[in-house]
PDB file of N, CA and C in Angstrom:
ATOM      1  N   MET A   1      21.386 -34.036  -3.157  1.00  0.00           N
ATOM      2  CA  MET A   1      22.737 -33.705  -2.808  1.00  0.00           C
ATOM      3  C   MET A   1      23.397 -34.934  -2.189  1.00  0.00           C
ATOM      4  N   ALA A   2      24.589 -35.230  -2.626  1.00  0.00           N
ATOM      5  CA  ALA A   2      25.312 -36.385  -2.104  1.00  0.00           C
ATOM      6  C   ALA A   2      25.823 -36.094  -0.695  1.00  0.00           C
ATOM      7  N   LYS A   3      25.711 -37.080   0.149  1.00  0.00           N
ATOM      8  CA  LYS A   3      26.208 -36.927   1.516  1.00  0.00           C
ATOM      9  C   LYS A   3      27.715 -37.114   1.520  1.00  0.00           C
ATOM     10  N   PRO A   4      28.418 -36.339   2.342  1.00  0.00           N
ATOM     11  CA  PRO A   4      29.871 -36.484   2.376  1.00  0.00           C
ATOM     12  C   PRO A   4      30.261 -37.839   2.971  1.00  0.00           C
ATOM     13  N   PRO A   5      31.262 -38.488   2.404  1.00  0.00           N
ATOM     14  CA  PRO A   5      31.676 -39.789   2.927  1.00  0.00           C
ATOM     15  C   PRO A   5      32.478 -39.639   4.220  1.00  0.00           C
ATOM     16  N   ILE A   6      32.580 -40.719   4.932  1.00  0.00           N
ATOM     17  CA  ILE A   6      33.404 -40.784   6.140  1.00  0.00           C
ATOM     18  C   ILE A   6      34.687 -41.497   5.761  1.00  0.00           C
ATOM     19  N   THR A   7      35.809 -40.870   6.072  1.00  0.00           N
ATOM     20  CA  THR A   7      37.097 -41.480   5.778  1.00  0.00           C
ATOM     21  C   THR A   7      37.501 -42.356   6.957  1.00  0.00           C
ATOM     22  N   ILE A   8      37.743 -43.614   6.671  1.00  0.00           N
ATOM     23  CA  ILE A   8      38.164 -44.577   7.684  1.00  0.00           C
ATOM     24  C   ILE A   8      39.624 -44.921   7.427  1.00  0.00           C
ATOM     25  N   THR A   9      40.428 -44.800   8.465  1.00  0.00           N
ATOM     26  CA  THR A   9      41.829 -45.215   8.384  1.00  0.00           C
ATOM     27  C   THR A   9      42.008 -46.389   9.332  1.00  0.00           C
ATOM     28  N   CYS A  10      42.318 -47.516   8.774  1.00  0.00           N
ATOM     29  CA  CYS A  10      42.482 -48.744   9.553  1.00  0.00           C
ATOM     30  C   CYS A  10      43.775 -48.670  10.363  1.00  0.00           C
ATOM     31  N   ASP A  11      43.863 -49.509  11.388  1.00  0.00           N
ATOM     32  CA  ASP A  11      45.067 -49.567  12.212  1.00  0.00           C
ATOM     33  C   ASP A  11      46.289 -49.995  11.407  1.00  0.00           C
ATOM     34  N   CYS A  12      46.064 -50.724  10.329  1.00  0.00           N
ATOM     35  CA  CYS A  12      47.181 -51.185   9.503  1.00  0.00           C
ATOM     36  C   CYS A  12      47.656 -50.110   8.520  1.00  0.00           C
ATOM     37  N   GLY A  13      46.903 -49.000   8.430  1.00  0.00           N
ATOM     38  CA  GLY A  13      47.307 -47.907   7.561  1.00  0.00           C
ATOM     39  C   GLY A  13      46.467 -47.763   6.305  1.00  0.00           C
ATOM     40  N   ALA A  14      45.646 -48.738   5.971  1.00  0.00           N
ATOM     41  CA  ALA A  14      44.780 -48.646   4.799  1.00  0.00           C
ATOM     42  C   ALA A  14      43.664 -47.640   5.082  1.00  0.00           C
ATOM     43  N   ALA A  15      43.216 -46.949   4.052  1.00  0.00           N
ATOM     44  CA  ALA A  15      42.169 -45.942   4.213  1.00  0.00           C
ATOM     45  C   ALA A  15      41.139 -46.090   3.111  1.00  0.00           C
ATOM     46  N   ALA A  16      39.912 -45.670   3.431  1.00  0.00           N
ATOM     47  CA  ALA A  16      38.824 -45.700   2.446  1.00  0.00           C
ATOM     48  C   ALA A  16      37.787 -44.663   2.827  1.00  0.00           C
ATOM     49  N   SER A  17      37.072 -44.164   1.835  1.00  0.00           N
ATOM     50  CA  SER A  17      35.941 -43.266   2.059  1.00  0.00           C
ATOM     51  C   SER A  17      34.672 -44.086   1.907  1.00  0.00           C
ATOM     52  N   VAL A  18      33.858 -44.074   2.959  1.00  0.00           N
ATOM     53  CA  VAL A  18      32.667 -44.923   3.005  1.00  0.00           C
ATOM     54  C   VAL A  18      31.461 -44.052   3.340  1.00  0.00           C
ATOM     55  N   ALA A  19      30.326 -44.334   2.722  1.00  0.00           N
ATOM     56  CA  ALA A  19      29.095 -43.607   3.015  1.00  0.00           C
ATOM     57  C   ALA A  19      28.622 -43.940   4.421  1.00  0.00           C
ATOM     58  N   TYR A  20      27.970 -42.975   5.054  1.00  0.00           N
ATOM     59  CA  TYR A  20      27.440 -43.185   6.397  1.00  0.00           C
ATOM     60  C   TYR A  20      26.411 -44.308   6.376  1.00  0.00           C
ATOM     61  N   GLY A  21      26.503 -45.208   7.337  1.00  0.00           N
ATOM     62  CA  GLY A  21      25.579 -46.328   7.437  1.00  0.00           C
ATOM     63  C   GLY A  21      26.098 -47.608   6.810  1.00  0.00           C
ATOM     64  N   GLU A  22      27.238 -47.547   6.141  1.00  0.00           N
ATOM     65  CA  GLU A  22      27.789 -48.736   5.496  1.00  0.00           C
ATOM     66  C   GLU A  22      28.951 -49.298   6.312  1.00  0.00           C
ATOM     67  N   ARG A  23      29.291 -50.527   5.990  1.00  0.00           N
ATOM     68  CA  ARG A  23      30.449 -51.187   6.611  1.00  0.00           C
ATOM     69  C   ARG A  23      31.564 -51.279   5.583  1.00  0.00           C
ATOM     70  N   TRP A  24      32.775 -51.286   6.095  1.00  0.00           N
ATOM     71  CA  TRP A  24      33.941 -51.413   5.228  1.00  0.00           C
ATOM     72  C   TRP A  24      34.858 -52.474   5.810  1.00  0.00           C
ATOM     73  N   ARG A  25      35.303 -53.369   4.960  1.00  0.00           N
ATOM     74  CA  ARG A  25      36.233 -54.418   5.368  1.00  0.00           C
ATOM     75  C   ARG A  25      37.582 -54.105   4.751  1.00  0.00           C
ATOM     76  N   CYS A  26      38.589 -54.015   5.600  1.00  0.00           N
ATOM     77  CA  CYS A  26      39.947 -53.712   5.160  1.00  0.00           C
ATOM     78  C   CYS A  26      40.489 -54.905   4.376  1.00  0.00           C
ATOM     79  N   ASP A  27      40.968 -54.640   3.172  1.00  0.00           N
ATOM     80  CA  ASP A  27      41.510 -55.708   2.339  1.00  0.00           C
ATOM     81  C   ASP A  27      42.855 -56.206   2.856  1.00  0.00           C
ATOM     82  N   ASP A  28      43.593 -55.350   3.564  1.00  0.00           N
ATOM     83  CA  ASP A  28      44.925 -55.730   4.043  1.00  0.00           C
ATOM     84  C   ASP A  28      44.881 -56.625   5.278  1.00  0.00           C
ATOM     85  N   CYS A  29      44.064 -56.244   6.283  1.00  0.00           N
ATOM     86  CA  CYS A  29      44.092 -56.998   7.539  1.00  0.00           C
ATOM     87  C   CYS A  29      42.779 -57.707   7.866  1.00  0.00           C
ATOM     88  N   GLY A  30      41.704 -57.393   7.156  1.00  0.00           N
ATOM     89  CA  GLY A  30      40.443 -58.085   7.366  1.00  0.00           C
ATOM     90  C   GLY A  30      39.544 -57.489   8.431  1.00  0.00           C
ATOM     91  N   ARG A  31      39.952 -56.391   9.072  1.00  0.00           N
ATOM     92  CA  ARG A  31      39.092 -55.761  10.074  1.00  0.00           C
ATOM     93  C   ARG A  31      37.876 -55.156   9.381  1.00  0.00           C
ATOM     94  N   THR A  32      36.761 -55.136  10.127  1.00  0.00           N
ATOM     95  CA  THR A  32      35.523 -54.558   9.605  1.00  0.00           C
ATOM     96  C   THR A  32      35.185 -53.324  10.422  1.00  0.00           C
ATOM     97  N   TRP A  33      34.873 -52.245   9.706  1.00  0.00           N
ATOM     98  CA  TRP A  33      34.536 -50.974  10.338  1.00  0.00           C
ATOM     99  C   TRP A  33      33.094 -50.629  10.000  1.00  0.00           C
ATOM    100  N   ASP A  34      32.345 -50.154  10.989  1.00  0.00           N
ATOM    101  CA  ASP A  34      30.934 -49.811  10.822  1.00  0.00           C
ATOM    102  C   ASP A  34      30.775 -48.309  11.029  1.00  0.00           C
ATOM    103  N   THR A  35      30.288 -47.611  10.001  1.00  0.00           N
ATOM    104  CA  THR A  35      30.162 -46.155  10.109  1.00  0.00           C
ATOM    105  C   THR A  35      28.979 -45.723  10.965  1.00  0.00           C
ATOM    106  N   THR A  36      28.082 -46.648  11.326  1.00  0.00           N
ATOM    107  CA  THR A  36      26.980 -46.257  12.207  1.00  0.00           C
ATOM    108  C   THR A  36      27.452 -46.048  13.640  1.00  0.00           C
ATOM    109  N   GLN A  37      28.724 -46.318  13.921  1.00  0.00           N
ATOM    110  CA  GLN A  37      29.278 -45.995  15.235  1.00  0.00           C
ATOM    111  C   GLN A  37      29.397 -44.481  15.418  1.00  0.00           C
ATOM    112  N   VAL A  38      29.417 -43.751  14.315  1.00  0.00           N
ATOM    113  CA  VAL A  38      29.438 -42.290  14.378  1.00  0.00           C
ATOM    114  C   VAL A  38      28.047 -41.840  14.815  1.00  0.00           C
ATOM    115  N   PRO A  39      27.952 -40.998  15.831  1.00  0.00           N
ATOM    116  CA  PRO A  39      26.633 -40.545  16.287  1.00  0.00           C
ATOM    117  C   PRO A  39      25.859 -39.840  15.165  1.00  0.00           C
ATOM    118  N   ALA A  40      24.608 -40.214  15.021  1.00  0.00           N
ATOM    119  CA  ALA A  40      23.778 -39.677  13.934  1.00  0.00           C
ATOM    120  C   ALA A  40      23.606 -38.171  14.038  1.00  0.00           C
ATOM    121  N   ASP A  41      23.490 -37.631  15.256  1.00  0.00           N
ATOM    122  CA  ASP A  41      23.298 -36.188  15.398  1.00  0.00           C
ATOM    123  C   ASP A  41      24.549 -35.405  14.991  1.00  0.00           C
ATOM    124  N   GLU A  42      25.732 -35.959  15.246  1.00  0.00           N
ATOM    125  CA  GLU A  42      26.969 -35.293  14.829  1.00  0.00           C
ATOM    126  C   GLU A  42      27.121 -35.335  13.309  1.00  0.00           C
ATOM    127  N   TYR A  43      26.741 -36.445  12.692  1.00  0.00           N
ATOM    128  CA  TYR A  43      26.809 -36.529  11.241  1.00  0.00           C
ATOM    129  C   TYR A  43      25.772 -35.604  10.608  1.00  0.00           C
ATOM    130  N   ALA A  44      24.592 -35.494  11.221  1.00  0.00           N
ATOM    131  CA  ALA A  44      23.560 -34.578  10.726  1.00  0.00           C
ATOM    132  C   ALA A  44      24.044 -33.133  10.816  1.00  0.00           C
ATOM    133  N   SER A  45      24.778 -32.804  11.845  1.00  0.00           N
ATOM    134  CA  SER A  45      25.348 -31.461  11.972  1.00  0.00           C
ATOM    135  C   SER A  45      26.332 -31.181  10.841  1.00  0.00           C
ATOM    136  N   LEU A  46      27.136 -32.170  10.497  1.00  0.00           N
ATOM    137  CA  LEU A  46      28.062 -32.031   9.372  1.00  0.00           C
ATOM    138  C   LEU A  46      27.298 -31.827   8.070  1.00  0.00           C
ATOM    139  N   LEU A  47      26.219 -32.574   7.875  1.00  0.00           N
ATOM    140  CA  LEU A  47      25.398 -32.419   6.668  1.00  0.00           C
ATOM    141  C   LEU A  47      24.795 -31.018   6.582  1.00  0.00           C
ATOM    142  N   ARG A  48      24.332 -30.486   7.711  1.00  0.00           N
ATOM    143  CA  ARG A  48      23.776 -29.136   7.708  1.00  0.00           C
ATOM    144  C   ARG A  48      24.820 -28.107   7.301  1.00  0.00           C
ATOM    145  N   SER A  49      26.045 -28.252   7.782  1.00  0.00           N
ATOM    146  CA  SER A  49      27.082 -27.287   7.410  1.00  0.00           C
ATOM    147  C   SER A  49      27.435 -27.387   5.928  1.00  0.00           C
ATOM    148  N   VAL A  50      27.420 -28.584   5.363  1.00  0.00           N
ATOM    149  CA  VAL A  50      27.693 -28.752   3.930  1.00  0.00           C
ATOM    150  C   VAL A  50      26.563 -28.135   3.109  1.00  0.00           C
ATOM    151  N   ARG A  51      25.319 -28.359   3.512  1.00  0.00           N
ATOM    152  CA  ARG A  51      24.182 -27.777   2.793  1.00  0.00           C
ATOM    153  C   ARG A  51      24.189 -26.253   2.866  1.00  0.00           C
ATOM    154  N   ARG A  52      24.533 -25.715   4.046  1.00  0.00           N
ATOM    155  CA  ARG A  52      24.592 -24.261   4.211  1.00  0.00           C
ATOM    156  C   ARG A  52      25.656 -23.664   3.292  1.00  0.00           C
ATOM    157  N   TYR A  53      26.801 -24.320   3.199  1.00  0.00           N
ATOM    158  CA  TYR A  53      27.868 -23.854   2.313  1.00  0.00           C
ATOM    159  C   TYR A  53      27.401 -23.848   0.863  1.00  0.00           C
ATOM    160  N   LYS A  54      26.780 -24.922   0.419  1.00  0.00           N
ATOM    161  CA  LYS A  54      26.321 -24.990  -0.971  1.00  0.00           C
ATOM    162  C   LYS A  54      25.259 -23.939  -1.256  1.00  0.00           C
ATOM    163  N   LEU A  55      24.386 -23.688  -0.290  1.00  0.00           N
ATOM    164  CA  LEU A  55      23.375 -22.660  -0.465  1.00  0.00           C
ATOM    165  C   LEU A  55      24.011 -21.273  -0.554  1.00  0.00           C
ATOM    166  N   LEU A  56      25.013 -21.004   0.263  1.00  0.00           N
ATOM    167  CA  LEU A  56      25.701 -19.712   0.223  1.00  0.00           C
ATOM    168  C   LEU A  56      26.425 -19.486  -1.097  1.00  0.00           C
ATOM    169  N   ILE A  57      26.856 -20.540  -1.731  1.00  0.00           N
ATOM    170  CA  ILE A  57      27.574 -20.416  -2.999  1.00  0.00           C
ATOM    171  C   ILE A  57      26.606 -20.200  -4.164  1.00  0.00           C
ATOM    172  N   VAL A  58      25.464 -20.885  -4.159  1.00  0.00           N
ATOM    173  CA  VAL A  58      24.568 -20.905  -5.313  1.00  0.00           C
ATOM    174  C   VAL A  58      23.458 -19.848  -5.249  1.00  0.00           C
ATOM    175  N   ALA A  59      22.944 -19.565  -4.070  1.00  0.00           N
ATOM    176  CA  ALA A  59      21.756 -18.718  -3.947  1.00  0.00           C
ATOM    177  C   ALA A  59      21.941 -17.281  -4.459  1.00  0.00           C
ATOM    178  N   PRO A  60      22.983 -16.556  -4.094  1.00  0.00           N
ATOM    179  CA  PRO A  60      23.085 -15.167  -4.583  1.00  0.00           C
ATOM    180  C   PRO A  60      23.130 -15.027  -6.107  1.00  0.00           C
ATOM    181  N   PRO A  61      23.918 -15.835  -6.839  1.00  0.00           N
ATOM    182  CA  PRO A  61      23.855 -15.704  -8.299  1.00  0.00           C
ATOM    183  C   PRO A  61      22.481 -16.063  -8.881  1.00  0.00           C
ATOM    184  N   LEU A  62      21.815 -17.055  -8.299  1.00  0.00           N
ATOM    185  CA  LEU A  62      20.476 -17.405  -8.787  1.00  0.00           C
ATOM    186  C   LEU A  62      19.479 -16.289  -8.523  1.00  0.00           C
ATOM    187  N   LEU A  63      19.585 -15.651  -7.371  1.00  0.00           N
ATOM    188  CA  LEU A  63      18.717 -14.527  -7.058  1.00  0.00           C
ATOM    189  C   LEU A  63      18.972 -13.359  -8.015  1.00  0.00           C
ATOM    190  N   ALA A  64      20.244 -13.085  -8.279  1.00  0.00           N
ATOM    191  CA  ALA A  64      20.580 -12.022  -9.233  1.00  0.00           C
ATOM    192  C   ALA A  64      20.045 -12.351 -10.625  1.00  0.00           C
ATOM    193  N   ALA A  65      20.137 -13.615 -11.024  1.00  0.00           N
ATOM    194  CA  ALA A  65      19.620 -14.021 -12.332  1.00  0.00           C
ATOM    195  C   ALA A  65      18.101 -13.882 -12.382  1.00  0.00           C
ATOM    196  N   ALA A  66      17.428 -14.213 -11.291  1.00  0.00           N
ATOM    197  CA  ALA A  66      15.968 -14.097 -11.263  1.00  0.00           C
ATOM    198  C   ALA A  66      15.516 -12.647 -11.403  1.00  0.00           C
ATOM    199  N   VAL A  67      16.329 -11.718 -10.939  1.00  0.00           N
ATOM    200  CA  VAL A  67      15.981 -10.301 -11.049  1.00  0.00           C
ATOM    201  C   VAL A  67      16.440  -9.714 -12.381  1.00  0.00           C
ATOM    202  N   LEU A  68      17.669 -10.024 -12.786  1.00  0.00           N
ATOM    203  CA  LEU A  68      18.254  -9.349 -13.941  1.00  0.00           C
ATOM    204  C   LEU A  68      17.859  -9.944 -15.296  1.00  0.00           C
ATOM    205  N   MET A  69      17.565 -11.211 -15.362  1.00  0.00           N
ATOM    206  CA  MET A  69      17.187 -11.798 -16.658  1.00  0.00           C
ATOM    207  C   MET A  69      15.867 -11.233 -17.188  1.00  0.00           C
ATOM    208  N   PRO A  70      14.820 -11.104 -16.365  1.00  0.00           N
ATOM    209  CA  PRO A  70      13.608 -10.450 -16.905  1.00  0.00           C
ATOM    210  C   PRO A  70      13.878  -9.002 -17.344  1.00  0.00           C
ATOM    211  N   LEU A  71      14.733  -8.311 -16.581  1.00  0.00           N
ATOM    212  CA  LEU A  71      15.089  -6.951 -16.983  1.00  0.00           C
ATOM    213  C   LEU A  71      15.838  -6.950 -18.310  1.00  0.00           C
ATOM    214  N   ALA A  72      16.703  -7.916 -18.511  1.00  0.00           N
ATOM    215  CA  ALA A  72      17.448  -8.003 -19.773  1.00  0.00           C
ATOM    216  C   ALA A  72      16.510  -8.265 -20.940  1.00  0.00           C
ATOM    217  N   ILE A  73      15.494  -9.067 -20.711  1.00  0.00           N
ATOM    218  CA  ILE A  73      14.538  -9.379 -21.775  1.00  0.00           C
ATOM    219  C   ILE A  73      13.626  -8.187 -22.055  1.00  0.00           C
ATOM    220  N   LEU A  74      13.163  -7.526 -21.003  1.00  0.00           N
ATOM    221  CA  LEU A  74      12.178  -6.452 -21.168  1.00  0.00           C
ATOM    222  C   LEU A  74      12.795  -5.084 -21.434  1.00  0.00           C
ATOM    223  N   VAL A  75      13.948  -4.803 -20.831  1.00  0.00           N
ATOM    224  CA  VAL A  75      14.504  -3.450 -20.908  1.00  0.00           C
ATOM    225  C   VAL A  75      15.693  -3.374 -21.857  1.00  0.00           C
ATOM    226  N   GLY A  76      16.711  -4.195 -21.595  1.00  0.00           N
ATOM    227  CA  GLY A  76      17.883  -4.111 -22.457  1.00  0.00           C
ATOM    228  C   GLY A  76      18.943  -5.120 -22.070  1.00  0.00           C
ATOM    229  N   ILE A  77      19.830  -5.353 -23.020  1.00  0.00           N
ATOM    230  CA  ILE A  77      20.871  -6.361 -22.867  1.00  0.00           C
ATOM    231  C   ILE A  77      21.895  -5.983 -21.799  1.00  0.00           C
ATOM    232  N   GLN A  78      21.965  -4.717 -21.424  1.00  0.00           N
ATOM    233  CA  GLN A  78      22.949  -4.292 -20.424  1.00  0.00           C
ATOM    234  C   GLN A  78      22.737  -5.014 -19.088  1.00  0.00           C
ATOM    235  N   PHE A  79      21.506  -5.434 -18.796  1.00  0.00           N
ATOM    236  CA  PHE A  79      21.261  -6.164 -17.559  1.00  0.00           C
ATOM    237  C   PHE A  79      21.830  -7.581 -17.624  1.00  0.00           C
ATOM    238  N   ALA A  80      21.856  -8.169 -18.788  1.00  0.00           N
ATOM    239  CA  ALA A  80      22.496  -9.482 -18.955  1.00  0.00           C
ATOM    240  C   ALA A  80      24.001  -9.360 -18.785  1.00  0.00           C
ATOM    241  N   VAL A  81      24.572  -8.295 -19.309  1.00  0.00           N
ATOM    242  CA  VAL A  81      26.005  -8.055 -19.126  1.00  0.00           C
ATOM    243  C   VAL A  81      26.309  -7.814 -17.657  1.00  0.00           C
ATOM    244  N   LEU A  82      25.452  -7.054 -16.978  1.00  0.00           N
ATOM    245  CA  LEU A  82      25.615  -6.821 -15.546  1.00  0.00           C
ATOM    246  C   LEU A  82      25.561  -8.135 -14.769  1.00  0.00           C
ATOM    247  N   LEU A  83      24.636  -9.005 -15.148  1.00  0.00           N
ATOM    248  CA  LEU A  83      24.546 -10.314 -14.499  1.00  0.00           C
ATOM    249  C   LEU A  83      25.829 -11.104 -14.704  1.00  0.00           C
ATOM    250  N   PHE A  84      26.360 -11.092 -15.903  1.00  0.00           N
ATOM    251  CA  PHE A  84      27.605 -11.796 -16.188  1.00  0.00           C
ATOM    252  C   PHE A  84      28.749 -11.249 -15.326  1.00  0.00           C
ATOM    253  N   VAL A  85      28.869  -9.946 -15.238  1.00  0.00           N
ATOM    254  CA  VAL A  85      29.934  -9.323 -14.442  1.00  0.00           C
ATOM    255  C   VAL A  85      29.759  -9.660 -12.962  1.00  0.00           C
ATOM    256  N   LEU A  86      28.534  -9.588 -12.464  1.00  0.00           N
ATOM    257  CA  LEU A  86      28.283  -9.918 -11.057  1.00  0.00           C
ATOM    258  C   LEU A  86      28.585 -11.382 -10.753  1.00  0.00           C
ATOM    259  N   ALA A  87      28.214 -12.278 -11.653  1.00  0.00           N
ATOM    260  CA  ALA A  87      28.479 -13.700 -11.438  1.00  0.00           C
ATOM    261  C   ALA A  87      29.980 -13.988 -11.417  1.00  0.00           C
ATOM    262  N   ILE A  88      30.730 -13.372 -12.318  1.00  0.00           N
ATOM    263  CA  ILE A  88      32.181 -13.557 -12.342  1.00  0.00           C
ATOM    264  C   ILE A  88      32.815 -12.971 -11.080  1.00  0.00           C
ATOM    265  N   ALA A  89      32.379 -11.780 -10.692  1.00  0.00           N
ATOM    266  CA  ALA A  89      32.919 -11.158  -9.475  1.00  0.00           C
ATOM    267  C   ALA A  89      32.607 -12.006  -8.251  1.00  0.00           C
ATOM    268  N   TRP A  90      31.394 -12.548  -8.182  1.00  0.00           N
ATOM    269  CA  TRP A  90      31.009 -13.417  -7.063  1.00  0.00           C
ATOM    270  C   TRP A  90      31.940 -14.629  -6.991  1.00  0.00           C
ATOM    271  N   ARG A  91      32.161 -15.246  -8.146  1.00  0.00           N
ATOM    272  CA  ARG A  91      33.001 -16.447  -8.195  1.00  0.00           C
ATOM    273  C   ARG A  91      34.459 -16.148  -7.851  1.00  0.00           C
ATOM    274  N   LEU A  92      34.958 -15.013  -8.295  1.00  0.00           N
ATOM    275  CA  LEU A  92      36.374 -14.700  -8.076  1.00  0.00           C
ATOM    276  C   LEU A  92      36.679 -14.131  -6.695  1.00  0.00           C
ATOM    277  N   PHE A  93      35.749 -13.356  -6.137  1.00  0.00           N
ATOM    278  CA  PHE A  93      36.054 -12.656  -4.890  1.00  0.00           C
ATOM    279  C   PHE A  93      35.313 -13.185  -3.664  1.00  0.00           C
ATOM    280  N   ALA A  94      34.049 -13.519  -3.792  1.00  0.00           N
ATOM    281  CA  ALA A  94      33.271 -13.934  -2.627  1.00  0.00           C
ATOM    282  C   ALA A  94      33.422 -15.425  -2.314  1.00  0.00           C
ATOM    283  N   VAL A  95      33.374 -16.267  -3.333  1.00  0.00           N
ATOM    284  CA  VAL A  95      33.401 -17.715  -3.101  1.00  0.00           C
ATOM    285  C   VAL A  95      34.674 -18.171  -2.379  1.00  0.00           C
ATOM    286  N   PRO A  96      35.870 -17.682  -2.735  1.00  0.00           N
ATOM    287  CA  PRO A  96      37.053 -18.116  -1.976  1.00  0.00           C
ATOM    288  C   PRO A  96      36.994 -17.745  -0.492  1.00  0.00           C
ATOM    289  N   GLN A  97      36.445 -16.584  -0.176  1.00  0.00           N
ATOM    290  CA  GLN A  97      36.309 -16.188   1.225  1.00  0.00           C
ATOM    291  C   GLN A  97      35.313 -17.091   1.958  1.00  0.00           C
ATOM    292  N   ILE A  98      34.194 -17.368   1.311  1.00  0.00           N
ATOM    293  CA  ILE A  98      33.189 -18.241   1.919  1.00  0.00           C
ATOM    294  C   ILE A  98      33.760 -19.635   2.110  1.00  0.00           C
ATOM    295  N   ARG A  99      34.480 -20.135   1.115  1.00  0.00           N
ATOM    296  CA  ARG A  99      35.080 -21.460   1.212  1.00  0.00           C
ATOM    297  C   ARG A  99      36.093 -21.524   2.353  1.00  0.00           C
ATOM    298  N   ARG A 100      36.910 -20.504   2.487  1.00  0.00           N
ATOM    299  CA  ARG A 100      37.918 -20.477   3.546  1.00  0.00           C
ATOM    300  C   ARG A 100      37.256 -20.500   4.926  1.00  0.00           C
ATOM    301  N   ARG A 101      36.220 -19.659   5.108  1.00  0.00           N
ATOM    302  CA  ARG A 101      35.526 -19.637   6.401  1.00  0.00           C
ATOM    303  C   ARG A 101      34.787 -20.941   6.671  1.00  0.00           C
ATOM    304  N   ALA A 102      34.166 -21.516   5.651  1.00  0.00           N
ATOM    305  CA  ALA A 102      33.433 -22.771   5.836  1.00  0.00           C
ATOM    306  C   ALA A 102      34.381 -23.910   6.188  1.00  0.00           C
ATOM    307  N   THR A 103      35.518 -23.954   5.522  1.00  0.00           N
ATOM    308  CA  THR A 103      36.501 -24.995   5.819  1.00  0.00           C
ATOM    309  C   THR A 103      37.020 -24.846   7.238  1.00  0.00           C
ATOM    310  N   GLN A 104      37.309 -23.628   7.632  1.00  0.00           N
ATOM    311  CA  GLN A 104      37.795 -23.389   8.991  1.00  0.00           C
ATOM    312  C   GLN A 104      36.738 -23.783  10.015  1.00  0.00           C
ATOM    313  N   ARG A 105      35.481 -23.453   9.747  1.00  0.00           N
ATOM    314  CA  ARG A 105      34.396 -23.797  10.663  1.00  0.00           C
ATOM    315  C   ARG A 105      34.236 -25.307  10.790  1.00  0.00           C
ATOM    316  N   VAL A 106      34.361 -26.022   9.680  1.00  0.00           N
ATOM    317  CA  VAL A 106      34.223 -27.482   9.716  1.00  0.00           C
ATOM    318  C   VAL A 106      35.388 -28.100  10.474  1.00  0.00           C
ATOM    319  N   VAL A 107      36.600 -27.636  10.219  1.00  0.00           N
ATOM    320  CA  VAL A 107      37.774 -28.201  10.883  1.00  0.00           C
ATOM    321  C   VAL A 107      37.726 -27.946  12.387  1.00  0.00           C
ATOM    322  N   GLU A 108      37.324 -26.746  12.782  1.00  0.00           N
ATOM    323  CA  GLU A 108      37.290 -26.407  14.199  1.00  0.00           C
ATOM    324  C   GLU A 108      36.083 -26.995  14.925  1.00  0.00           C
ATOM    325  N   GLY A 109      34.938 -27.031  14.244  1.00  0.00           N
ATOM    326  CA  GLY A 109      33.711 -27.370  14.932  1.00  0.00           C
ATOM    327  C   GLY A 109      33.299 -28.821  14.895  1.00  0.00           C
ATOM    328  N   ASN A 110      33.753 -29.569  13.914  1.00  0.00           N
ATOM    329  CA  ASN A 110      33.311 -30.954  13.808  1.00  0.00           C
ATOM    330  C   ASN A 110      34.343 -31.893  14.404  1.00  0.00           C
ATOM    331  N   PRO A 111      33.874 -32.864  15.149  1.00  0.00           N
ATOM    332  CA  PRO A 111      34.804 -33.772  15.820  1.00  0.00           C
ATOM    333  C   PRO A 111      35.445 -34.763  14.854  1.00  0.00           C
ATOM    334  N   LYS A 112      36.571 -35.261  15.267  1.00  0.00           N
ATOM    335  CA  LYS A 112      37.201 -36.391  14.580  1.00  0.00           C
ATOM    336  C   LYS A 112      36.790 -37.614  15.390  1.00  0.00           C
ATOM    337  N   TRP A 113      36.112 -38.519  14.727  1.00  0.00           N
ATOM    338  CA  TRP A 113      35.590 -39.685  15.419  1.00  0.00           C
ATOM    339  C   TRP A 113      36.652 -40.776  15.481  1.00  0.00           C
ATOM    340  N   THR A 114      36.879 -41.291  16.662  1.00  0.00           N
ATOM    341  CA  THR A 114      37.794 -42.403  16.847  1.00  0.00           C
ATOM    342  C   THR A 114      36.942 -43.620  17.223  1.00  0.00           C
ATOM    343  N   ARG A 115      36.882 -44.556  16.348  1.00  0.00           N
ATOM    344  CA  ARG A 115      36.069 -45.750  16.565  1.00  0.00           C
ATOM    345  C   ARG A 115      36.959 -46.980  16.422  1.00  0.00           C
ATOM    346  N   ARG A 116      36.481 -48.054  16.975  1.00  0.00           N
ATOM    347  CA  ARG A 116      37.205 -49.305  16.931  1.00  0.00           C
ATOM    348  C   ARG A 116      36.558 -50.224  15.906  1.00  0.00           C
ATOM    349  N   PRO A 117      37.339 -51.126  15.322  1.00  0.00           N
ATOM    350  CA  PRO A 117      36.745 -52.084  14.375  1.00  0.00           C
ATOM    351  C   PRO A 117      35.876 -53.087  15.127  1.00  0.00           C
ATOM    352  N   GLU A 118      34.961 -53.694  14.385  1.00  0.00           N
ATOM    353  CA  GLU A 118      34.127 -54.743  14.971  1.00  0.00           C
ATOM    354  C   GLU A 118      34.990 -55.973  15.204  1.00  0.00           C
ATOM    355  N   GLN A 119      34.601 -56.764  16.156  1.00  0.00           N
ATOM    356  CA  GLN A 119      35.331 -57.998  16.454  1.00  0.00           C
ATOM    357  C   GLN A 119      35.065 -59.018  15.363  1.00  0.00           C
ATOM    358  N   PRO A 120      36.112 -59.659  14.831  1.00  0.00           N
ATOM    359  CA  PRO A 120      35.899 -60.654  13.768  1.00  0.00           C
ATOM    360  C   PRO A 120      35.213 -61.909  14.262  1.00  0.00           C
TER     361      PRO A 120
END
């Protein structure tokens, strides 16, 4: 799973998304920003929330498929149709609610890091 990037906005107004642990040099003013200034435990907390969200989105349909596909093969095709209907319903009704709550939790719970550029 790809780690979420850190968005850096320079004092001059330029912005970039940089992976955690990397440095970014502003092309406009020449300042250098180091993402390791972000505390590792806070970034790890952000990673856990992203992983939890992805698991909440993917796990229930996979679990339903693990149960219903053998039934569709052994008993009848109606279980495959049921799986299709459940997967569509999950995507249309549950995922938007989960996404809304996860976004709200991330916005409220995760800090906005204010860091200074390195001295040239």
